[in-house]
Amino acid sequence: MGRRPTGIRPGEKASEYQKVTLRLPGDAVAELDAAARTVGRPRWRVVIDAVHAYIGAAAPLTDAERRAVRQLLALKS
């Protein structure tokens, strides 16, 4: 009953992860929000995926996902 754990690995809870506070310019926050909505994941997961893609441990967004992010940003402008 209730919400299932939402961590990266089975049995983990995102609420038990360490907190990190970031200060980002408004356009970066808009891009993060658009990316999260496009891929259907929470912002914290997009940040983790971005770090993994940056260090080469995961694939970046697909071309279709990048186009969708740009389109969503254009709608908000």
C-alpha atoms as a PDB file:
ATOM      1  CA  MET A   1       0.000   0.000   0.000  1.00  0.00           C
ATOM      2  CA  GLY A   2       1.166   3.546  -0.626  1.00  0.00           C
ATOM      3  CA  ARG A   3       3.841   4.775  -2.984  1.00  0.00           C
ATOM      4  CA  ARG A   4       6.518   2.399  -4.125  1.00  0.00           C
ATOM      5  CA  PRO A   5      10.172   3.312  -3.520  1.00  0.00           C
ATOM      6  CA  THR A   6      11.446   5.709  -6.168  1.00  0.00           C
ATOM      7  CA  GLY A   7      15.194   5.298  -5.922  1.00  0.00           C
ATOM      8  CA  ILE A   8      17.586   4.367  -8.678  1.00  0.00           C
ATOM      9  CA  ARG A   9      18.178   0.818  -7.476  1.00  0.00           C
ATOM     10  CA  PRO A  10      15.535  -1.625  -6.179  1.00  0.00           C
ATOM     11  CA  GLY A  11      14.550  -0.970  -2.583  1.00  0.00           C
ATOM     12  CA  GLU A  12      16.087   2.498  -2.440  1.00  0.00           C
ATOM     13  CA  LYS A  13      14.070   5.593  -1.603  1.00  0.00           C
ATOM     14  CA  ALA A  14      14.907   8.957  -3.117  1.00  0.00           C
ATOM     15  CA  SER A  15      13.980  10.549   0.212  1.00  0.00           C
ATOM     16  CA  GLU A  16      16.981   8.780   1.777  1.00  0.00           C
ATOM     17  CA  TYR A  17      19.480  10.216  -0.727  1.00  0.00           C
ATOM     18  CA  GLN A  18      21.794  13.054   0.276  1.00  0.00           C
ATOM     19  CA  LYS A  19      20.494  16.529  -0.500  1.00  0.00           C
ATOM     20  CA  VAL A  20      22.285  18.849  -2.878  1.00  0.00           C
ATOM     21  CA  THR A  21      21.310  22.445  -3.450  1.00  0.00           C
ATOM     22  CA  LEU A  22      22.056  24.069  -6.797  1.00  0.00           C
ATOM     23  CA  ARG A  23      21.767  27.646  -7.898  1.00  0.00           C
ATOM     24  CA  LEU A  24      20.958  27.770 -11.582  1.00  0.00           C
ATOM     25  CA  PRO A  25      20.050  30.596 -13.943  1.00  0.00           C
ATOM     26  CA  GLY A  26      16.418  30.680 -15.023  1.00  0.00           C
ATOM     27  CA  ASP A  27      17.092  29.349 -18.511  1.00  0.00           C
ATOM     28  CA  ALA A  28      18.919  26.312 -17.097  1.00  0.00           C
ATOM     29  CA  VAL A  29      15.996  25.593 -14.757  1.00  0.00           C
ATOM     30  CA  ALA A  30      13.604  25.874 -17.701  1.00  0.00           C
ATOM     31  CA  GLU A  31      15.740  23.413 -19.687  1.00  0.00           C
ATOM     32  CA  LEU A  32      15.850  21.010 -16.730  1.00  0.00           C
ATOM     33  CA  ASP A  33      12.075  21.198 -16.306  1.00  0.00           C
ATOM     34  CA  ALA A  34      11.504  20.714 -20.043  1.00  0.00           C
ATOM     35  CA  ALA A  35      13.855  17.724 -20.134  1.00  0.00           C
ATOM     36  CA  ALA A  36      12.141  16.169 -17.112  1.00  0.00           C
ATOM     37  CA  ARG A  37       8.703  16.585 -18.673  1.00  0.00           C
ATOM     38  CA  THR A  38       9.910  15.267 -22.032  1.00  0.00           C
ATOM     39  CA  VAL A  39      11.417  12.054 -20.663  1.00  0.00           C
ATOM     40  CA  GLY A  40       8.762  11.648 -17.954  1.00  0.00           C
ATOM     41  CA  ARG A  41      11.173  11.598 -15.027  1.00  0.00           C
ATOM     42  CA  PRO A  42      11.626  13.791 -11.968  1.00  0.00           C
ATOM     43  CA  ARG A  43      14.243  16.544 -12.098  1.00  0.00           C
ATOM     44  CA  TRP A  44      16.557  14.727  -9.682  1.00  0.00           C
ATOM     45  CA  ARG A  45      16.619  11.737 -12.030  1.00  0.00           C
ATOM     46  CA  VAL A  46      17.395  13.945 -15.048  1.00  0.00           C
ATOM     47  CA  VAL A  47      20.339  15.442 -13.128  1.00  0.00           C
ATOM     48  CA  ILE A  48      21.651  11.966 -12.278  1.00  0.00           C
ATOM     49  CA  ASP A  49      21.246  10.849 -15.904  1.00  0.00           C
ATOM     50  CA  ALA A  50      23.033  14.021 -17.080  1.00  0.00           C
ATOM     51  CA  VAL A  51      25.973  13.364 -14.754  1.00  0.00           C
ATOM     52  CA  HIS A  52      26.201   9.774 -15.972  1.00  0.00           C
ATOM     53  CA  ALA A  53      26.041  10.913 -19.601  1.00  0.00           C
ATOM     54  CA  TYR A  54      28.681  13.582 -18.926  1.00  0.00           C
ATOM     55  CA  ILE A  55      31.181  11.047 -17.585  1.00  0.00           C
ATOM     56  CA  GLY A  56      30.326   8.561 -20.311  1.00  0.00           C
ATOM     57  CA  ALA A  57      28.497   6.044 -18.123  1.00  0.00           C
ATOM     58  CA  ALA A  58      25.115   6.484 -19.839  1.00  0.00           C
ATOM     59  CA  ALA A  59      23.624   7.634 -23.113  1.00  0.00           C
ATOM     60  CA  PRO A  60      22.575  11.285 -23.506  1.00  0.00           C
ATOM     61  CA  LEU A  61      19.147  12.311 -24.761  1.00  0.00           C
ATOM     62  CA  THR A  62      18.154  11.029 -28.162  1.00  0.00           C
ATOM     63  CA  ASP A  63      17.753  13.461 -31.048  1.00  0.00           C
ATOM     64  CA  ALA A  64      13.959  13.114 -30.778  1.00  0.00           C
ATOM     65  CA  GLU A  65      14.079  13.918 -27.054  1.00  0.00           C
ATOM     66  CA  ARG A  66      16.302  16.962 -27.726  1.00  0.00           C
ATOM     67  CA  ARG A  67      13.809  18.219 -30.329  1.00  0.00           C
ATOM     68  CA  ALA A  68      10.943  17.714 -27.873  1.00  0.00           C
ATOM     69  CA  VAL A  69      12.803  19.683 -25.182  1.00  0.00           C
ATOM     70  CA  ARG A  70      13.442  22.556 -27.625  1.00  0.00           C
ATOM     71  CA  GLN A  71       9.787  22.549 -28.697  1.00  0.00           C
ATOM     72  CA  LEU A  72       8.595  22.648 -25.093  1.00  0.00           C
ATOM     73  CA  LEU A  73      10.970  25.526 -24.343  1.00  0.00           C
ATOM     74  CA  ALA A  74       9.716  27.396 -27.403  1.00  0.00           C
ATOM     75  CA  LEU A  75       6.120  27.052 -26.155  1.00  0.00           C
ATOM     76  CA  LYS A  76       7.072  28.615 -22.816  1.00  0.00           C
ATOM     77  CA  SER A  77       8.856  31.581 -24.425  1.00  0.00           C
END
